[in-house]
Amino acid sequence: MPRLILVRHGQSQWNLENRFTGWWDVNLTARGEDEARAAGALLLDKGMLPDAAFTSLQTRAIRTLHIALEGCDRLWIPETKDWRLNERHYGGLTGLDKAETAARHGDEQVKVWRRSFDIPPPPLAPGGEFDLASDPRYAGIAVPDTESLKDTIARVLPYYDSAIAPVLRSGRTVIISAHGNSLRALVKHLSGISDAEITGLEIPTGQPIVYELDDRLGARERYYLSER
């Protein structure tokens, strides 16, 4: 039966600094590297060995994948990177300290920007420090200036259906190393979680989530590998 492993990247530098990150490229902290190593060791210990890998175009997810795969001796498996697995774009909040933003705009407003299903943050102004228009990895891509979770789902699920699902249907075990919101999009889809309920779902860093799937890629079971 097909099996899907989801791993949110290990702690990043901006996770540590409590800043909105989104599409901005930030590396792992030492703790984040340790989390990725622990994920790889757990995969090896449980015999949960992936045959194919997918990740975003962001360093923290790519490095988490590579460190974890090295830990379970699977660096050699096919790997695909795609922007549609990127984190949600946080628009004009990118780079801001979360506590300072709450103090300025109020906790309720920040909660709406962070947790509502379909209300995005203010857009990112063009030409600023965090404008990615000239980043070569996004050449030919219409980089968004902000995204809600609904917007993120609208790019993640078509990519899952077109690129990842066919690999799963071949019976292989697939690992996806991505981000809190791109993975929430997949969990919402696979587990049938409502728009209202998905806003409260937290995905911890570096903790492999396993989906046991049926032949039609319906979820038979979902669990944290550390609990098995």
Protein backbone atom coordinates (compact mmCIF):
# COMPACT_ATOMS: atom_id res chain seq x y z
CA MET A 1 0.00 0.00 0.00
CA PRO A 2 1.22 3.56 -0.67
CA ARG A 3 2.72 5.47 2.23
CA LEU A 4 3.30 9.20 2.61
CA ILE A 5 5.71 10.76 5.11
CA LEU A 6 5.35 14.47 5.90
CA VAL A 7 8.14 16.36 7.67
CA ARG A 8 8.05 20.03 8.56
CA HIS A 9 11.53 21.53 8.37
CA GLY A 10 13.57 21.79 11.55
CA GLN A 11 13.75 25.03 13.51
CA SER A 12 14.91 27.93 11.33
CA GLN A 13 16.76 31.05 12.41
CA TRP A 14 13.59 33.11 12.09
CA ASN A 15 11.57 30.52 14.01
CA LEU A 16 14.09 31.11 16.79
CA GLU A 17 13.81 34.89 16.43
CA ASN A 18 9.97 34.73 16.32
CA ARG A 19 9.77 36.47 12.93
CA PHE A 20 7.33 35.97 10.07
CA THR A 21 9.25 34.07 7.39
CA GLY A 22 7.02 32.90 4.55
CA TRP A 23 8.87 32.75 1.22
CA TRP A 24 12.02 34.41 2.55
CA ASP A 25 14.94 31.99 2.53
CA VAL A 26 16.25 31.30 6.03
CA ASN A 27 18.58 28.51 7.11
CA LEU A 28 18.26 26.01 9.94
CA THR A 29 19.56 26.62 13.43
CA ALA A 30 21.76 24.03 15.15
CA ARG A 31 18.61 22.79 16.87
CA GLY A 32 16.89 22.53 13.48
CA GLU A 33 19.74 20.40 12.18
CA ASP A 34 19.43 18.18 15.25
CA GLU A 35 15.69 17.82 14.63
CA ALA A 36 16.35 16.75 11.05
CA ARG A 37 18.98 14.23 12.19
CA ALA A 38 16.55 12.85 14.75
CA ALA A 39 13.89 12.48 12.04
CA GLY A 40 16.32 10.51 9.88
CA ALA A 41 17.36 8.29 12.77
CA LEU A 42 13.69 7.62 13.55
CA LEU A 43 12.96 6.68 9.93
CA LEU A 44 15.87 4.24 10.03
CA ASP A 45 14.92 2.80 13.41
CA LYS A 46 11.31 2.21 12.35
CA GLY A 47 12.25 0.87 8.92
CA MET A 48 10.22 3.68 7.32
CA LEU A 49 12.46 4.14 4.30
CA PRO A 50 11.28 6.46 1.51
CA ASP A 51 11.68 5.68 -2.19
CA ALA A 52 11.09 9.21 -3.55
CA ALA A 53 11.32 12.72 -2.13
CA PHE A 54 9.67 16.08 -2.75
CA THR A 55 10.52 19.44 -1.22
CA SER A 56 10.17 23.18 -1.75
CA LEU A 57 12.69 25.66 -3.15
CA GLN A 58 13.53 26.92 0.35
CA THR A 59 16.80 26.07 2.06
CA ARG A 60 15.34 25.10 5.43
CA ALA A 61 13.14 22.41 3.87
CA ILE A 62 15.82 21.19 1.44
CA ARG A 63 18.45 20.85 4.16
CA THR A 64 16.00 19.12 6.50
CA LEU A 65 15.30 16.60 3.75
CA HIS A 66 18.98 15.99 3.02
CA ILE A 67 19.97 15.63 6.66
CA ALA A 68 17.07 13.25 7.34
CA LEU A 69 17.79 11.18 4.22
CA GLU A 70 21.46 10.96 5.13
CA GLY A 71 20.41 9.69 8.56
CA CYS A 72 18.46 6.80 7.04
CA ASP A 73 20.93 6.13 4.19
CA ARG A 74 18.51 7.34 1.50
CA LEU A 75 20.31 10.34 -0.01
CA TRP A 76 20.33 8.50 -3.32
CA ILE A 77 16.55 8.42 -3.88
CA PRO A 78 14.94 10.62 -6.59
CA GLU A 79 14.24 14.14 -5.36
CA THR A 80 12.01 16.86 -6.83
CA LYS A 81 11.97 20.51 -5.76
CA ASP A 82 9.02 22.77 -6.56
CA TRP A 83 7.91 26.25 -5.48
CA ARG A 84 4.37 25.04 -4.98
CA LEU A 85 5.53 23.32 -1.78
CA ASN A 86 6.88 26.62 -0.43
CA GLU A 87 5.59 28.08 2.80
CA ARG A 88 2.64 30.44 2.69
CA HIS A 89 3.68 33.96 1.67
CA TYR A 90 3.25 36.29 4.63
CA GLY A 91 3.17 39.45 2.53
CA GLY A 92 3.95 42.68 4.34
CA LEU A 93 4.50 40.80 7.61
CA THR A 94 7.64 39.14 6.22
CA GLY A 95 10.61 39.75 8.49
CA LEU A 96 8.58 41.34 11.29
CA ASP A 97 8.84 40.24 14.90
CA LYS A 98 5.56 38.54 15.82
CA ALA A 99 5.34 40.02 19.32
CA GLU A 100 6.10 43.55 18.09
CA THR A 101 3.53 43.16 15.32
CA ALA A 102 0.90 42.12 17.85
CA ALA A 103 1.76 45.10 20.05
CA ARG A 104 1.36 47.44 17.08
CA HIS A 105 -1.76 45.99 15.44
CA GLY A 106 -3.38 44.09 18.32
CA ASP A 107 -3.48 40.40 19.09
CA GLU A 108 -6.83 39.88 17.38
CA GLN A 109 -5.73 41.41 14.08
CA VAL A 110 -2.53 39.35 14.03
CA LYS A 111 -4.54 36.25 14.87
CA VAL A 112 -6.74 36.93 11.84
CA TRP A 113 -3.70 37.33 9.58
CA ARG A 114 -2.03 34.21 10.95
CA ARG A 115 -4.93 31.84 11.51
CA SER A 116 -7.92 32.76 9.37
CA PHE A 117 -8.56 30.43 6.45
CA ASP A 118 -9.06 32.98 3.68
CA ILE A 119 -7.89 36.41 4.88
CA PRO A 120 -4.30 37.16 3.80
CA PRO A 121 -1.92 39.61 5.49
CA PRO A 122 -1.30 43.01 3.86
CA PRO A 123 0.59 42.59 0.56
CA LEU A 124 4.35 42.99 0.36
CA ALA A 125 5.33 46.27 -1.27
CA PRO A 126 7.42 45.82 -4.43
CA GLY A 127 11.07 46.80 -4.40
CA GLY A 128 11.56 46.31 -0.67
CA GLU A 129 14.10 44.26 1.25
CA PHE A 130 12.08 41.05 0.97
CA ASP A 131 10.95 41.38 -2.66
CA LEU A 132 11.83 38.14 -4.47
CA ALA A 133 11.23 39.39 -8.01
CA SER A 134 14.93 39.10 -8.89
CA ASP A 135 15.58 35.78 -7.11
CA PRO A 136 16.77 33.35 -9.84
CA ARG A 137 14.99 30.38 -8.30
CA TYR A 138 11.66 32.06 -9.10
CA ALA A 139 12.47 33.07 -12.69
CA GLY A 140 9.29 32.76 -14.74
CA ILE A 141 7.11 32.37 -11.64
CA ALA A 142 4.53 34.96 -10.62
CA VAL A 143 5.66 35.36 -7.01
CA PRO A 144 2.64 36.27 -4.83
CA ASP A 145 2.70 39.41 -2.72
CA THR A 146 0.65 37.73 0.05
CA GLU A 147 -1.28 34.49 0.62
CA SER A 148 -3.96 33.08 2.88
CA LEU A 149 -4.07 29.40 3.76
CA LYS A 150 -6.78 29.06 1.11
CA ASP A 151 -4.39 30.51 -1.48
CA THR A 152 -1.66 28.11 -0.36
CA ILE A 153 -3.99 25.15 -0.72
CA ALA A 154 -4.88 26.33 -4.24
CA ARG A 155 -1.28 25.78 -5.37
CA VAL A 156 -0.30 22.79 -3.21
CA LEU A 157 -3.17 20.43 -4.05
CA PRO A 158 -2.96 20.62 -7.86
CA TYR A 159 0.77 19.90 -7.55
CA TYR A 160 0.07 16.96 -5.24
CA ASP A 161 -2.46 15.57 -7.71
CA SER A 162 -0.25 15.99 -10.78
CA ALA A 163 3.23 15.17 -9.45
CA ILE A 164 3.09 13.34 -6.12
CA ALA A 165 -0.05 11.21 -6.38
CA PRO A 166 1.20 9.27 -9.44
CA VAL A 167 4.34 8.25 -7.52
CA LEU A 168 2.21 7.12 -4.59
CA ARG A 169 -0.07 5.13 -6.89
CA SER A 170 2.95 3.16 -8.06
CA GLY A 171 3.16 1.80 -4.51
CA ARG A 172 6.21 3.74 -3.42
CA THR A 173 6.86 5.42 -0.07
CA VAL A 174 7.13 9.18 -0.57
CA ILE A 175 8.63 11.74 1.81
CA ILE A 176 7.72 15.44 1.59
CA SER A 177 9.89 17.91 3.47
CA ALA A 178 8.07 21.23 3.48
CA HIS A 179 6.54 23.88 5.71
CA GLY A 180 3.82 24.37 8.29
CA ASN A 181 1.20 25.73 5.89
CA SER A 182 2.00 23.71 2.77
CA LEU A 183 1.81 20.57 4.93
CA ARG A 184 -1.41 21.76 6.57
CA ALA A 185 -2.84 21.97 3.05
CA LEU A 186 -2.02 18.30 2.49
CA VAL A 187 -3.28 17.19 5.91
CA LYS A 188 -6.53 19.08 5.35
CA HIS A 189 -7.03 17.29 2.05
CA LEU A 190 -6.01 13.80 3.13
CA SER A 191 -7.81 13.85 6.48
CA GLY A 192 -10.90 15.74 5.34
CA ILE A 193 -10.48 18.53 7.88
CA SER A 194 -12.92 21.45 7.61
CA ASP A 195 -11.94 25.03 6.79
CA ALA A 196 -12.69 26.06 10.37
CA GLU A 197 -10.83 23.20 12.05
CA ILE A 198 -7.66 23.41 9.96
CA THR A 199 -6.88 26.88 11.35
CA GLY A 200 -6.16 25.28 14.74
CA LEU A 201 -3.89 22.51 13.48
CA GLU A 202 -0.23 22.86 14.44
CA ILE A 203 2.48 20.78 12.78
CA PRO A 204 5.64 20.51 14.89
CA THR A 205 9.09 20.87 13.38
CA GLY A 206 11.09 17.76 12.55
CA GLN A 207 8.39 15.23 13.52
CA PRO A 208 7.55 12.74 10.72
CA ILE A 209 3.83 12.29 10.15
CA VAL A 210 2.91 9.07 8.35
CA TYR A 211 -0.13 8.44 6.17
CA GLU A 212 -1.00 4.85 5.36
CA LEU A 213 -3.01 5.12 2.13
CA ASP A 214 -5.31 2.82 0.22
CA ASP A 215 -5.12 2.15 -3.52
CA ARG A 216 -7.17 5.28 -4.21
CA LEU A 217 -4.90 7.34 -1.93
CA GLY A 218 -7.53 7.66 0.73
CA ALA A 219 -6.15 7.92 4.26
CA ARG A 220 -6.40 4.62 6.12
CA GLU A 221 -4.38 5.91 9.07
CA ARG A 222 -2.40 9.00 10.16
CA TYR A 223 0.13 9.00 12.98
CA TYR A 224 3.33 10.50 14.30
CA LEU A 225 6.15 8.04 13.70
CA SER A 226 7.57 8.78 17.16
CA GLU A 227 4.42 7.28 18.69
CA ARG A 228 4.84 3.89 17.00
